[in-house]
Amino acid sequence: MAKTQKTEIKIEKKTPEVVGTRGRTFEGTVVKKFDKRAVVEFDRTVKVAKYERFMRKTTRVHSRIPTGMNVNIGDYVKVQECRPLSKMIHSVVIEIMRPVSQGVAKWKDKKLIFLTFHFPWRKE
């Protein structure tokens, strides 16, 4: 009998931060930020059949922030669905589309003011 050489195969263990994504992708603004998660808010239009009109609704999604990604309140981010990570978290932040430093929002009197909804005639 011929001796066969055993080849060692290294299997890298997945870290808990690495999560496979699936499903829909959303883009929205970070409203709240915690240690490992962020609350992303985005608008969607819903048709009201009774009135034959469209209504704008706001949706909030709790998303996991991967290690090494620096997300701040006011950032415009892309989020994708994944398997349930906890009771509330069902999505992961994929990338930062537009950081807050590029003029999306600013802090004034301990309130976050979004410049995309800024009206010149309103005194803030």
PDB file of N, CA and C in Angstrom:
ATOM      1  N   MET A   1       0.821  -1.168   0.000  1.00  0.00           N
ATOM      2  CA  MET A   1       0.000   0.000   0.000  1.00  0.00           C
ATOM      3  C   MET A   1       0.877   1.248   0.000  1.00  0.00           C
ATOM      4  N   ALA A   2       0.436   2.212  -0.783  1.00  0.00           N
ATOM      5  CA  ALA A   2       1.177   3.465  -0.864  1.00  0.00           C
ATOM      6  C   ALA A   2       0.704   4.400   0.238  1.00  0.00           C
ATOM      7  N   LYS A   3       1.660   5.073   0.810  1.00  0.00           N
ATOM      8  CA  LYS A   3       1.307   6.010   1.867  1.00  0.00           C
ATOM      9  C   LYS A   3       0.806   7.311   1.241  1.00  0.00           C
ATOM     10  N   THR A   4      -0.289   7.774   1.726  1.00  0.00           N
ATOM     11  CA  THR A   4      -0.820   9.057   1.240  1.00  0.00           C
ATOM     12  C   THR A   4      -0.453  10.147   2.227  1.00  0.00           C
ATOM     13  N   GLN A   5      -0.122  11.286   1.664  1.00  0.00           N
ATOM     14  CA  GLN A   5       0.251  12.410   2.513  1.00  0.00           C
ATOM     15  C   GLN A   5      -1.008  13.165   2.927  1.00  0.00           C
ATOM     16  N   LYS A   6      -1.056  13.490   4.183  1.00  0.00           N
ATOM     17  CA  LYS A   6      -2.181  14.258   4.669  1.00  0.00           C
ATOM     18  C   LYS A   6      -1.909  15.743   4.446  1.00  0.00           C
ATOM     19  N   THR A   7      -2.836  16.382   3.775  1.00  0.00           N
ATOM     20  CA  THR A   7      -2.699  17.826   3.566  1.00  0.00           C
ATOM     21  C   THR A   7      -3.539  18.541   4.611  1.00  0.00           C
ATOM     22  N   GLU A   8      -2.915  19.523   5.198  1.00  0.00           N
ATOM     23  CA  GLU A   8      -3.615  20.276   6.222  1.00  0.00           C
ATOM     24  C   GLU A   8      -4.413  21.395   5.574  1.00  0.00           C
ATOM     25  N   ILE A   9      -5.662  21.430   5.873  1.00  0.00           N
ATOM     26  CA  ILE A   9      -6.533  22.478   5.365  1.00  0.00           C
ATOM     27  C   ILE A   9      -6.920  23.357   6.539  1.00  0.00           C
ATOM     28  N   LYS A  10      -6.575  24.622   6.410  1.00  0.00           N
ATOM     29  CA  LYS A  10      -6.925  25.560   7.468  1.00  0.00           C
ATOM     30  C   LYS A  10      -8.317  26.104   7.185  1.00  0.00           C
ATOM     31  N   ILE A  11      -9.179  25.953   8.133  1.00  0.00           N
ATOM     32  CA  ILE A  11     -10.525  26.485   8.025  1.00  0.00           C
ATOM     33  C   ILE A  11     -10.607  27.687   8.946  1.00  0.00           C
ATOM     34  N   GLU A  12     -10.828  28.827   8.331  1.00  0.00           N
ATOM     35  CA  GLU A  12     -10.919  30.042   9.125  1.00  0.00           C
ATOM     36  C   GLU A  12     -12.310  30.127   9.742  1.00  0.00           C
ATOM     37  N   LYS A  13     -12.328  30.360  11.038  1.00  0.00           N
ATOM     38  CA  LYS A  13     -13.602  30.504  11.707  1.00  0.00           C
ATOM     39  C   LYS A  13     -14.154  31.900  11.430  1.00  0.00           C
ATOM     40  N   LYS A  14     -15.432  31.955  11.140  1.00  0.00           N
ATOM     41  CA  LYS A  14     -16.058  33.251  10.919  1.00  0.00           C
ATOM     42  C   LYS A  14     -16.215  33.959  12.254  1.00  0.00           C
ATOM     43  N   THR A  15     -15.836  35.216  12.238  1.00  0.00           N
ATOM     44  CA  THR A  15     -16.026  36.008  13.441  1.00  0.00           C
ATOM     45  C   THR A  15     -17.498  36.386  13.542  1.00  0.00           C
ATOM     46  N   PRO A  16     -17.986  36.662  14.729  1.00  0.00           N
ATOM     47  CA  PRO A  16     -19.397  36.999  14.872  1.00  0.00           C
ATOM     48  C   PRO A  16     -19.803  38.258  14.109  1.00  0.00           C
ATOM     49  N   GLU A  17     -18.832  39.145  13.790  1.00  0.00           N
ATOM     50  CA  GLU A  17     -19.145  40.383  13.092  1.00  0.00           C
ATOM     51  C   GLU A  17     -19.426  40.155  11.613  1.00  0.00           C
ATOM     52  N   VAL A  18     -18.909  39.068  11.048  1.00  0.00           N
ATOM     53  CA  VAL A  18     -19.103  38.795   9.626  1.00  0.00           C
ATOM     54  C   VAL A  18     -20.436  38.081   9.456  1.00  0.00           C
ATOM     55  N   VAL A  19     -21.338  38.717   8.729  1.00  0.00           N
ATOM     56  CA  VAL A  19     -22.675  38.167   8.537  1.00  0.00           C
ATOM     57  C   VAL A  19     -22.986  38.192   7.057  1.00  0.00           C
ATOM     58  N   GLY A  20     -23.491  37.086   6.545  1.00  0.00           N
ATOM     59  CA  GLY A  20     -23.906  37.051   5.153  1.00  0.00           C
ATOM     60  C   GLY A  20     -25.182  37.850   4.968  1.00  0.00           C
ATOM     61  N   THR A  21     -25.242  38.607   3.872  1.00  0.00           N
ATOM     62  CA  THR A  21     -26.423  39.436   3.627  1.00  0.00           C
ATOM     63  C   THR A  21     -27.298  38.784   2.579  1.00  0.00           C
ATOM     64  N   ARG A  22     -28.565  39.140   2.626  1.00  0.00           N
ATOM     65  CA  ARG A  22     -29.532  38.645   1.658  1.00  0.00           C
ATOM     66  C   ARG A  22     -30.706  39.615   1.669  1.00  0.00           C
ATOM     67  N   GLY A  23     -31.528  39.550   0.668  1.00  0.00           N
ATOM     68  CA  GLY A  23     -32.750  40.347   0.680  1.00  0.00           C
ATOM     69  C   GLY A  23     -32.584  41.756   0.150  1.00  0.00           C
ATOM     70  N   ARG A  24     -33.434  42.639   0.641  1.00  0.00           N
ATOM     71  CA  ARG A  24     -33.531  43.997   0.109  1.00  0.00           C
ATOM     72  C   ARG A  24     -32.438  44.918   0.639  1.00  0.00           C
ATOM     73  N   THR A  25     -32.194  45.993  -0.107  1.00  0.00           N
ATOM     74  CA  THR A  25     -31.236  47.017   0.290  1.00  0.00           C
ATOM     75  C   THR A  25     -31.979  48.334   0.481  1.00  0.00           C
ATOM     76  N   PHE A  26     -31.604  49.078   1.502  1.00  0.00           N
ATOM     77  CA  PHE A  26     -32.220  50.354   1.789  1.00  0.00           C
ATOM     78  C   PHE A  26     -31.141  51.411   1.917  1.00  0.00           C
ATOM     79  N   GLU A  27     -31.510  52.662   1.627  1.00  0.00           N
ATOM     80  CA  GLU A  27     -30.622  53.793   1.850  1.00  0.00           C
ATOM     81  C   GLU A  27     -31.350  54.783   2.741  1.00  0.00           C
ATOM     82  N   GLY A  28     -30.662  55.255   3.781  1.00  0.00           N
ATOM     83  CA  GLY A  28     -31.313  56.184   4.690  1.00  0.00           C
ATOM     84  C   GLY A  28     -30.315  56.910   5.565  1.00  0.00           C
ATOM     85  N   THR A  29     -30.841  57.696   6.467  1.00  0.00           N
ATOM     86  CA  THR A  29     -30.034  58.532   7.347  1.00  0.00           C
ATOM     87  C   THR A  29     -29.966  57.913   8.738  1.00  0.00           C
ATOM     88  N   VAL A  30     -28.787  57.947   9.344  1.00  0.00           N
ATOM     89  CA  VAL A  30     -28.609  57.422  10.698  1.00  0.00           C
ATOM     90  C   VAL A  30     -29.197  58.429  11.677  1.00  0.00           C
ATOM     91  N   VAL A  31     -30.193  57.987  12.456  1.00  0.00           N
ATOM     92  CA  VAL A  31     -30.878  58.859  13.395  1.00  0.00           C
ATOM     93  C   VAL A  31     -30.332  58.674  14.807  1.00  0.00           C
ATOM     94  N   LYS A  32     -30.089  57.434  15.200  1.00  0.00           N
ATOM     95  CA  LYS A  32     -29.511  57.117  16.509  1.00  0.00           C
ATOM     96  C   LYS A  32     -28.345  56.168  16.310  1.00  0.00           C
ATOM     97  N   LYS A  33     -27.387  56.229  17.247  1.00  0.00           N
ATOM     98  CA  LYS A  33     -26.241  55.331  17.159  1.00  0.00           C
ATOM     99  C   LYS A  33     -25.934  54.790  18.548  1.00  0.00           C
ATOM    100  N   PHE A  34     -25.711  53.475  18.601  1.00  0.00           N
ATOM    101  CA  PHE A  34     -25.322  52.804  19.831  1.00  0.00           C
ATOM    102  C   PHE A  34     -23.957  52.174  19.601  1.00  0.00           C
ATOM    103  N   ASP A  35     -23.494  51.336  20.526  1.00  0.00           N
ATOM    104  CA  ASP A  35     -22.160  50.750  20.397  1.00  0.00           C
ATOM    105  C   ASP A  35     -22.015  49.911  19.135  1.00  0.00           C
ATOM    106  N   LYS A  36     -22.928  48.968  18.925  1.00  0.00           N
ATOM    107  CA  LYS A  36     -22.802  48.053  17.789  1.00  0.00           C
ATOM    108  C   LYS A  36     -23.935  48.172  16.793  1.00  0.00           C
ATOM    109  N   ARG A  37     -24.866  49.096  17.012  1.00  0.00           N
ATOM    110  CA  ARG A  37     -25.979  49.213  16.078  1.00  0.00           C
ATOM    111  C   ARG A  37     -26.333  50.669  15.837  1.00  0.00           C
ATOM    112  N   ALA A  38     -27.021  50.887  14.721  1.00  0.00           N
ATOM    113  CA  ALA A  38     -27.482  52.220  14.354  1.00  0.00           C
ATOM    114  C   ALA A  38     -28.923  52.125  13.899  1.00  0.00           C
ATOM    115  N   VAL A  39     -29.681  53.178  14.138  1.00  0.00           N
ATOM    116  CA  VAL A  39     -31.063  53.246  13.677  1.00  0.00           C
ATOM    117  C   VAL A  39     -31.068  54.079  12.396  1.00  0.00           C
ATOM    118  N   VAL A  40     -31.462  53.439  11.278  1.00  0.00           N
ATOM    119  CA  VAL A  40     -31.474  54.092   9.974  1.00  0.00           C
ATOM    120  C   VAL A  40     -32.926  54.393   9.617  1.00  0.00           C
ATOM    121  N   GLU A  41     -33.188  55.624   9.214  1.00  0.00           N
ATOM    122  CA  GLU A  41     -34.549  56.055   8.904  1.00  0.00           C
ATOM    123  C   GLU A  41     -34.624  56.435   7.432  1.00  0.00           C
ATOM    124  N   PHE A  42     -35.678  55.964   6.748  1.00  0.00           N
ATOM    125  CA  PHE A  42     -35.884  56.321   5.344  1.00  0.00           C
ATOM    126  C   PHE A  42     -37.372  56.436   5.050  1.00  0.00           C
ATOM    127  N   ASP A  43     -37.690  57.182   3.991  1.00  0.00           N
ATOM    128  CA  ASP A  43     -39.078  57.401   3.602  1.00  0.00           C
ATOM    129  C   ASP A  43     -39.476  56.455   2.485  1.00  0.00           C
ATOM    130  N   ARG A  44     -40.770  56.109   2.463  1.00  0.00           N
ATOM    131  CA  ARG A  44     -41.310  55.298   1.383  1.00  0.00           C
ATOM    132  C   ARG A  44     -42.710  55.802   1.089  1.00  0.00           C
ATOM    133  N   THR A  45     -43.191  55.572  -0.133  1.00  0.00           N
ATOM    134  CA  THR A  45     -44.528  56.002  -0.503  1.00  0.00           C
ATOM    135  C   THR A  45     -45.466  54.811  -0.498  1.00  0.00           C
ATOM    136  N   VAL A  46     -46.649  55.020   0.069  1.00  0.00           N
ATOM    137  CA  VAL A  46     -47.663  53.979   0.176  1.00  0.00           C
ATOM    138  C   VAL A  46     -48.936  54.507  -0.471  1.00  0.00           C
ATOM    139  N   LYS A  47     -49.567  53.683  -1.289  1.00  0.00           N
ATOM    140  CA  LYS A  47     -50.798  54.108  -1.941  1.00  0.00           C
ATOM    141  C   LYS A  47     -51.978  53.860  -1.008  1.00  0.00           C
ATOM    142  N   VAL A  48     -52.820  54.894  -0.832  1.00  0.00           N
ATOM    143  CA  VAL A  48     -54.054  54.777  -0.071  1.00  0.00           C
ATOM    144  C   VAL A  48     -55.168  54.562  -1.092  1.00  0.00           C
ATOM    145  N   ALA A  49     -55.686  53.355  -1.150  1.00  0.00           N
ATOM    146  CA  ALA A  49     -56.635  52.996  -2.202  1.00  0.00           C
ATOM    147  C   ALA A  49     -57.948  53.759  -2.081  1.00  0.00           C
ATOM    148  N   LYS A  50     -58.374  54.021  -0.865  1.00  0.00           N
ATOM    149  CA  LYS A  50     -59.653  54.694  -0.655  1.00  0.00           C
ATOM    150  C   LYS A  50     -59.666  56.089  -1.267  1.00  0.00           C
ATOM    151  N   TYR A  51     -58.575  56.816  -1.101  1.00  0.00           N
ATOM    152  CA  TYR A  51     -58.505  58.184  -1.580  1.00  0.00           C
ATOM    153  C   TYR A  51     -57.778  58.319  -2.911  1.00  0.00           C
ATOM    154  N   GLU A  52     -57.271  57.217  -3.440  1.00  0.00           N
ATOM    155  CA  GLU A  52     -56.524  57.203  -4.703  1.00  0.00           C
ATOM    156  C   GLU A  52     -55.375  58.210  -4.671  1.00  0.00           C
ATOM    157  N   ARG A  53     -54.669  58.227  -3.551  1.00  0.00           N
ATOM    158  CA  ARG A  53     -53.534  59.138  -3.366  1.00  0.00           C
ATOM    159  C   ARG A  53     -52.358  58.334  -2.798  1.00  0.00           C
ATOM    160  N   PHE A  54     -51.213  58.994  -2.765  1.00  0.00           N
ATOM    161  CA  PHE A  54     -50.029  58.389  -2.172  1.00  0.00           C
ATOM    162  C   PHE A  54     -49.692  59.119  -0.888  1.00  0.00           C
ATOM    163  N   MET A  55     -49.189  58.360   0.086  1.00  0.00           N
ATOM    164  CA  MET A  55     -48.827  58.902   1.378  1.00  0.00           C
ATOM    165  C   MET A  55     -47.372  58.554   1.668  1.00  0.00           C
ATOM    166  N   ARG A  56     -46.657  59.460   2.282  1.00  0.00           N
ATOM    167  CA  ARG A  56     -45.260  59.215   2.630  1.00  0.00           C
ATOM    168  C   ARG A  56     -45.173  58.685   4.050  1.00  0.00           C
ATOM    169  N   LYS A  57     -44.524  57.530   4.225  1.00  0.00           N
ATOM    170  CA  LYS A  57     -44.337  56.944   5.547  1.00  0.00           C
ATOM    171  C   LYS A  57     -42.848  56.843   5.839  1.00  0.00           C
ATOM    172  N   THR A  58     -42.512  56.926   7.108  1.00  0.00           N
ATOM    173  CA  THR A  58     -41.127  56.818   7.545  1.00  0.00           C
ATOM    174  C   THR A  58     -40.912  55.455   8.186  1.00  0.00           C
ATOM    175  N   THR A  59     -39.834  54.792   7.801  1.00  0.00           N
ATOM    176  CA  THR A  59     -39.500  53.480   8.333  1.00  0.00           C
ATOM    177  C   THR A  59     -38.162  53.564   9.054  1.00  0.00           C
ATOM    178  N   ARG A  60     -38.095  52.924  10.215  1.00  0.00           N
ATOM    179  CA  ARG A  60     -36.846  52.864  10.969  1.00  0.00           C
ATOM    180  C   ARG A  60     -36.370  51.424  11.014  1.00  0.00           C
ATOM    181  N   VAL A  61     -35.085  51.225  10.704  1.00  0.00           N
ATOM    182  CA  VAL A  61     -34.487  49.896  10.687  1.00  0.00           C
ATOM    183  C   VAL A  61     -33.283  49.905  11.613  1.00  0.00           C
ATOM    184  N   HIS A  62     -33.201  48.922  12.501  1.00  0.00           N
ATOM    185  CA  HIS A  62     -32.041  48.773  13.378  1.00  0.00           C
ATOM    186  C   HIS A  62     -31.014  47.918  12.655  1.00  0.00           C
ATOM    187  N   SER A  63     -29.782  48.423  12.532  1.00  0.00           N
ATOM    188  CA  SER A  63     -28.750  47.756  11.744  1.00  0.00           C
ATOM    189  C   SER A  63     -27.478  47.580  12.551  1.00  0.00           C
ATOM    190  N   ARG A  64     -26.786  46.478  12.318  1.00  0.00           N
ATOM    191  CA  ARG A  64     -25.498  46.206  12.958  1.00  0.00           C
ATOM    192  C   ARG A  64     -24.419  47.010  12.255  1.00  0.00           C
ATOM    193  N   ILE A  65     -23.528  47.608  13.033  1.00  0.00           N
ATOM    194  CA  ILE A  65     -22.378  48.324  12.481  1.00  0.00           C
ATOM    195  C   ILE A  65     -21.194  47.374  12.509  1.00  0.00           C
ATOM    196  N   PRO A  66     -20.596  47.036  11.349  1.00  0.00           N
ATOM    197  CA  PRO A  66     -19.435  46.139  11.348  1.00  0.00           C
ATOM    198  C   PRO A  66     -18.240  46.788  12.049  1.00  0.00           C
ATOM    199  N   THR A  67     -17.348  45.954  12.598  1.00  0.00           N
ATOM    200  CA  THR A  67     -16.164  46.488  13.266  1.00  0.00           C
ATOM    201  C   THR A  67     -15.277  47.164  12.230  1.00  0.00           C
ATOM    202  N   GLY A  68     -14.720  48.272  12.605  1.00  0.00           N
ATOM    203  CA  GLY A  68     -13.854  49.016  11.704  1.00  0.00           C
ATOM    204  C   GLY A  68     -14.579  50.075  10.892  1.00  0.00           C
ATOM    205  N   MET A  69     -15.908  50.104  10.921  1.00  0.00           N
ATOM    206  CA  MET A  69     -16.661  51.112  10.189  1.00  0.00           C
ATOM    207  C   MET A  69     -17.052  52.218  11.164  1.00  0.00           C
ATOM    208  N   ASN A  70     -16.762  53.454  10.796  1.00  0.00           N
ATOM    209  CA  ASN A  70     -17.053  54.588  11.654  1.00  0.00           C
ATOM    210  C   ASN A  70     -18.320  55.274  11.154  1.00  0.00           C
ATOM    211  N   VAL A  71     -19.437  55.047  11.829  1.00  0.00           N
ATOM    212  CA  VAL A  71     -20.724  55.619  11.448  1.00  0.00           C
ATOM    213  C   VAL A  71     -21.107  56.678  12.463  1.00  0.00           C
ATOM    214  N   ASN A  72     -21.556  57.832  11.982  1.00  0.00           N
ATOM    215  CA  ASN A  72     -21.974  58.922  12.857  1.00  0.00           C
ATOM    216  C   ASN A  72     -23.440  59.254  12.616  1.00  0.00           C
ATOM    217  N   ILE A  73     -24.039  59.970  13.551  1.00  0.00           N
ATOM    218  CA  ILE A  73     -25.420  60.408  13.390  1.00  0.00           C
ATOM    219  C   ILE A  73     -25.475  61.425  12.259  1.00  0.00           C
ATOM    220  N   GLY A  74     -26.400  61.209  11.333  1.00  0.00           N
ATOM    221  CA  GLY A  74     -26.544  62.096  10.186  1.00  0.00           C
ATOM    222  C   GLY A  74     -25.948  61.542   8.910  1.00  0.00           C
ATOM    223  N   ASP A  75     -25.172  60.460   8.998  1.00  0.00           N
ATOM    224  CA  ASP A  75     -24.594  59.855   7.795  1.00  0.00           C
ATOM    225  C   ASP A  75     -25.682  59.231   6.937  1.00  0.00           C
ATOM    226  N   TYR A  76     -25.518  59.313   5.618  1.00  0.00           N
ATOM    227  CA  TYR A  76     -26.432  58.659   4.673  1.00  0.00           C
ATOM    228  C   TYR A  76     -25.792  57.325   4.321  1.00  0.00           C
ATOM    229  N   VAL A  77     -26.413  56.205   4.734  1.00  0.00           N
ATOM    230  CA  VAL A  77     -25.790  54.883   4.619  1.00  0.00           C
ATOM    231  C   VAL A  77     -26.644  53.942   3.785  1.00  0.00           C
ATOM    232  N   LYS A  78     -26.005  52.865   3.323  1.00  0.00           N
ATOM    233  CA  LYS A  78     -26.705  51.785   2.620  1.00  0.00           C
ATOM    234  C   LYS A  78     -26.759  50.589   3.564  1.00  0.00           C
ATOM    235  N   VAL A  79     -27.962  50.007   3.683  1.00  0.00           N
ATOM    236  CA  VAL A  79     -28.231  48.925   4.622  1.00  0.00           C
ATOM    237  C   VAL A  79     -28.807  47.747   3.850  1.00  0.00           C
ATOM    238  N   GLN A  80     -28.387  46.515   4.206  1.00  0.00           N
ATOM    239  CA  GLN A  80     -28.945  45.331   3.554  1.00  0.00           C
ATOM    240  C   GLN A  80     -29.439  44.347   4.604  1.00  0.00           C
ATOM    241  N   GLU A  81     -30.544  43.665   4.262  1.00  0.00           N
ATOM    242  CA  GLU A  81     -31.124  42.692   5.177  1.00  0.00           C
ATOM    243  C   GLU A  81     -30.196  41.497   5.361  1.00  0.00           C
ATOM    244  N   CYS A  82     -30.325  40.846   6.498  1.00  0.00           N
ATOM    245  CA  CYS A  82     -29.566  39.633   6.786  1.00  0.00           C
ATOM    246  C   CYS A  82     -30.406  38.766   7.714  1.00  0.00           C
ATOM    247  N   ARG A  83     -29.822  37.695   8.202  1.00  0.00           N
ATOM    248  CA  ARG A  83     -30.538  36.838   9.148  1.00  0.00           C
ATOM    249  C   ARG A  83     -30.746  37.606  10.445  1.00  0.00           C
ATOM    250  N   PRO A  84     -31.720  37.205  11.266  1.00  0.00           N
ATOM    251  CA  PRO A  84     -31.926  37.907  12.533  1.00  0.00           C
ATOM    252  C   PRO A  84     -30.704  37.781  13.453  1.00  0.00           C
ATOM    253  N   LEU A  85     -30.142  38.904  13.831  1.00  0.00           N
ATOM    254  CA  LEU A  85     -28.978  38.923  14.708  1.00  0.00           C
ATOM    255  C   LEU A  85     -29.386  39.052  16.170  1.00  0.00           C
ATOM    256  N   SER A  86     -30.525  39.670  16.414  1.00  0.00           N
ATOM    257  CA  SER A  86     -31.066  39.788  17.764  1.00  0.00           C
ATOM    258  C   SER A  86     -32.559  40.043  17.643  1.00  0.00           C
ATOM    259  N   LYS A  87     -33.168  40.455  18.730  1.00  0.00           N
ATOM    260  CA  LYS A  87     -34.605  40.698  18.724  1.00  0.00           C
ATOM    261  C   LYS A  87     -34.987  41.809  17.748  1.00  0.00           C
ATOM    262  N   MET A  88     -34.160  42.858  17.652  1.00  0.00           N
ATOM    263  CA  MET A  88     -34.485  43.997  16.794  1.00  0.00           C
ATOM    264  C   MET A  88     -33.626  44.097  15.545  1.00  0.00           C
ATOM    265  N   ILE A  89     -32.417  43.587  15.581  1.00  0.00           N
ATOM    266  CA  ILE A  89     -31.471  43.805  14.487  1.00  0.00           C
ATOM    267  C   ILE A  89     -31.641  42.730  13.418  1.00  0.00           C
ATOM    268  N   HIS A  90     -32.001  43.161  12.210  1.00  0.00           N
ATOM    269  CA  HIS A  90     -32.184  42.247  11.087  1.00  0.00           C
ATOM    270  C   HIS A  90     -31.482  42.746   9.838  1.00  0.00           C
ATOM    271  N   SER A  91     -30.539  43.672   9.977  1.00  0.00           N
ATOM    272  CA  SER A  91     -29.840  44.220   8.817  1.00  0.00           C
ATOM    273  C   SER A  91     -28.437  44.662   9.218  1.00  0.00           C
ATOM    274  N   VAL A  92     -27.611  44.916   8.187  1.00  0.00           N
ATOM    275  CA  VAL A  92     -26.214  45.295   8.400  1.00  0.00           C
ATOM    276  C   VAL A  92     -25.910  46.524   7.555  1.00  0.00           C
ATOM    277  N   VAL A  93     -25.151  47.460   8.116  1.00  0.00           N
ATOM    278  CA  VAL A  93     -24.698  48.626   7.349  1.00  0.00           C
ATOM    279  C   VAL A  93     -23.610  48.167   6.388  1.00  0.00           C
ATOM    280  N   ILE A  94     -23.815  48.389   5.094  1.00  0.00           N
ATOM    281  CA  ILE A  94     -22.852  47.942   4.085  1.00  0.00           C
ATOM    282  C   ILE A  94     -21.817  49.021   3.802  1.00  0.00           C
ATOM    283  N   GLU A  95     -22.288  50.247   3.534  1.00  0.00           N
ATOM    284  CA  GLU A  95     -21.351  51.318   3.222  1.00  0.00           C
ATOM    285  C   GLU A  95     -21.934  52.664   3.611  1.00  0.00           C
ATOM    286  N   ILE A  96     -21.045  53.635   3.765  1.00  0.00           N
ATOM    287  CA  ILE A  96     -21.453  55.005   4.043  1.00  0.00           C
ATOM    288  C   ILE A  96     -21.479  55.736   2.707  1.00  0.00           C
ATOM    289  N   MET A  97     -22.673  56.125   2.275  1.00  0.00           N
ATOM    290  CA  MET A  97     -22.826  56.791   0.983  1.00  0.00           C
ATOM    291  C   MET A  97     -22.337  58.242   1.053  1.00  0.00           C
ATOM    292  N   ARG A  98     -22.757  58.976   2.101  1.00  0.00           N
ATOM    293  CA  ARG A  98     -22.400  60.372   2.249  1.00  0.00           C
ATOM    294  C   ARG A  98     -22.223  60.662   3.732  1.00  0.00           C
ATOM    295  N   PRO A  99     -20.984  60.912   4.186  1.00  0.00           N
ATOM    296  CA  PRO A  99     -20.776  61.197   5.609  1.00  0.00           C
ATOM    297  C   PRO A  99     -21.366  62.547   6.007  1.00  0.00           C
ATOM    298  N   VAL A 100     -21.604  62.711   7.293  1.00  0.00           N
ATOM    299  CA  VAL A 100     -22.211  63.937   7.802  1.00  0.00           C
ATOM    300  C   VAL A 100     -21.289  65.134   7.591  1.00  0.00           C
ATOM    301  N   SER A 101     -20.002  64.920   7.494  1.00  0.00           N
ATOM    302  CA  SER A 101     -19.056  66.014   7.325  1.00  0.00           C
ATOM    303  C   SER A 101     -19.181  66.687   5.964  1.00  0.00           C
ATOM    304  N   GLN A 102     -19.874  66.051   5.015  1.00  0.00           N
ATOM    305  CA  GLN A 102     -20.031  66.643   3.689  1.00  0.00           C
ATOM    306  C   GLN A 102     -21.268  67.531   3.590  1.00  0.00           C
ATOM    307  N   GLY A 103     -21.870  67.884   4.719  1.00  0.00           N
ATOM    308  CA  GLY A 103     -22.938  68.863   4.709  1.00  0.00           C
ATOM    309  C   GLY A 103     -24.342  68.307   4.636  1.00  0.00           C
ATOM    310  N   VAL A 104     -24.557  67.064   5.034  1.00  0.00           N
ATOM    311  CA  VAL A 104     -25.907  66.509   5.029  1.00  0.00           C
ATOM    312  C   VAL A 104     -26.690  67.034   6.224  1.00  0.00           C
ATOM    313  N   ALA A 105     -26.047  67.132   7.379  1.00  0.00           N
ATOM    314  CA  ALA A 105     -26.721  67.592   8.588  1.00  0.00           C
ATOM    315  C   ALA A 105     -25.735  68.331   9.471  1.00  0.00           C
ATOM    316  N   LYS A 106     -26.267  69.103  10.411  1.00  0.00           N
ATOM    317  CA  LYS A 106     -25.400  69.800  11.352  1.00  0.00           C
ATOM    318  C   LYS A 106     -26.098  69.887  12.703  1.00  0.00           C
ATOM    319  N   TRP A 107     -25.309  70.084  13.754  1.00  0.00           N
ATOM    320  CA  TRP A 107     -25.856  70.203  15.102  1.00  0.00           C
ATOM    321  C   TRP A 107     -26.093  71.667  15.410  1.00  0.00           C
ATOM    322  N   LYS A 108     -27.256  71.968  15.995  1.00  0.00           N
ATOM    323  CA  LYS A 108     -27.551  73.333  16.423  1.00  0.00           C
ATOM    324  C   LYS A 108     -28.441  73.253  17.653  1.00  0.00           C
ATOM    325  N   ASP A 109     -27.983  73.804  18.761  1.00  0.00           N
ATOM    326  CA  ASP A 109     -28.719  73.794  20.023  1.00  0.00           C
ATOM    327  C   ASP A 109     -29.121  72.382  20.436  1.00  0.00           C
ATOM    328  N   LYS A 110     -28.195  71.455  20.365  1.00  0.00           N
ATOM    329  CA  LYS A 110     -28.397  70.045  20.738  1.00  0.00           C
ATOM    330  C   LYS A 110     -29.471  69.352  19.905  1.00  0.00           C
ATOM    331  N   LYS A 111     -29.738  69.863  18.695  1.00  0.00           N
ATOM    332  CA  LYS A 111     -30.674  69.235  17.774  1.00  0.00           C
ATOM    333  C   LYS A 111     -29.966  69.005  16.450  1.00  0.00           C
ATOM    334  N   LEU A 112     -30.282  67.897  15.823  1.00  0.00           N
ATOM    335  CA  LEU A 112     -29.697  67.579  14.530  1.00  0.00           C
ATOM    336  C   LEU A 112     -30.584  68.160  13.439  1.00  0.00           C
ATOM    337  N   ILE A 113     -30.035  69.066  12.649  1.00  0.00           N
ATOM    338  CA  ILE A 113     -30.795  69.709  11.579  1.00  0.00           C
ATOM    339  C   ILE A 113     -30.314  69.125  10.257  1.00  0.00           C
ATOM    340  N   PHE A 114     -31.236  68.547   9.484  1.00  0.00           N
ATOM    341  CA  PHE A 114     -30.901  67.985   8.191  1.00  0.00           C
ATOM    342  C   PHE A 114     -30.980  69.078   7.142  1.00  0.00           C
ATOM    343  N   LEU A 115     -29.870  69.315   6.452  1.00  0.00           N
ATOM    344  CA  LEU A 115     -29.815  70.401   5.484  1.00  0.00           C
ATOM    345  C   LEU A 115     -30.592  70.089   4.210  1.00  0.00           C
ATOM    346  N   THR A 116     -30.911  68.825   3.971  1.00  0.00           N
ATOM    347  CA  THR A 116     -31.681  68.491   2.779  1.00  0.00           C
ATOM    348  C   THR A 116     -33.116  68.994   2.900  1.00  0.00           C
ATOM    349  N   PHE A 117     -33.592  69.218   4.137  1.00  0.00           N
ATOM    350  CA  PHE A 117     -34.933  69.715   4.360  1.00  0.00           C
ATOM    351  C   PHE A 117     -34.906  71.162   4.851  1.00  0.00           C
ATOM    352  N   HIS A 118     -33.858  71.893   4.520  1.00  0.00           N
ATOM    353  CA  HIS A 118     -33.698  73.267   4.982  1.00  0.00           C
ATOM    354  C   HIS A 118     -34.513  74.208   4.099  1.00  0.00           C
ATOM    355  N   PHE A 119     -35.325  75.071   4.730  1.00  0.00           N
ATOM    356  CA  PHE A 119     -36.095  76.068   4.011  1.00  0.00           C
ATOM    357  C   PHE A 119     -35.544  77.433   4.350  1.00  0.00           C
ATOM    358  N   PRO A 120     -35.214  78.252   3.341  1.00  0.00           N
ATOM    359  CA  PRO A 120     -34.555  79.544   3.619  1.00  0.00           C
ATOM    360  C   PRO A 120     -35.430  80.531   4.391  1.00  0.00           C
ATOM    361  N   TRP A 121     -36.747  80.455   4.261  1.00  0.00           N
ATOM    362  CA  TRP A 121     -37.613  81.399   4.950  1.00  0.00           C
ATOM    363  C   TRP A 121     -37.851  81.037   6.402  1.00  0.00           C
ATOM    364  N   ARG A 122     -37.470  79.816   6.810  1.00  0.00           N
ATOM    365  CA  ARG A 122     -37.653  79.385   8.182  1.00  0.00           C
ATOM    366  C   ARG A 122     -36.456  79.823   9.013  1.00  0.00           C
ATOM    367  N   LYS A 123     -36.693  80.442  10.169  1.00  0.00           N
ATOM    368  CA  LYS A 123     -35.593  80.873  11.034  1.00  0.00           C
ATOM    369  C   LYS A 123     -35.256  79.754  11.987  1.00  0.00           C
ATOM    370  N   GLU A 124     -34.018  79.278  11.929  1.00  0.00           N
ATOM    371  CA  GLU A 124     -33.598  78.178  12.791  1.00  0.00           C
ATOM    372  C   GLU A 124     -32.431  78.605  13.645  1.00  0.00           C
TER     373      GLU A 124
END
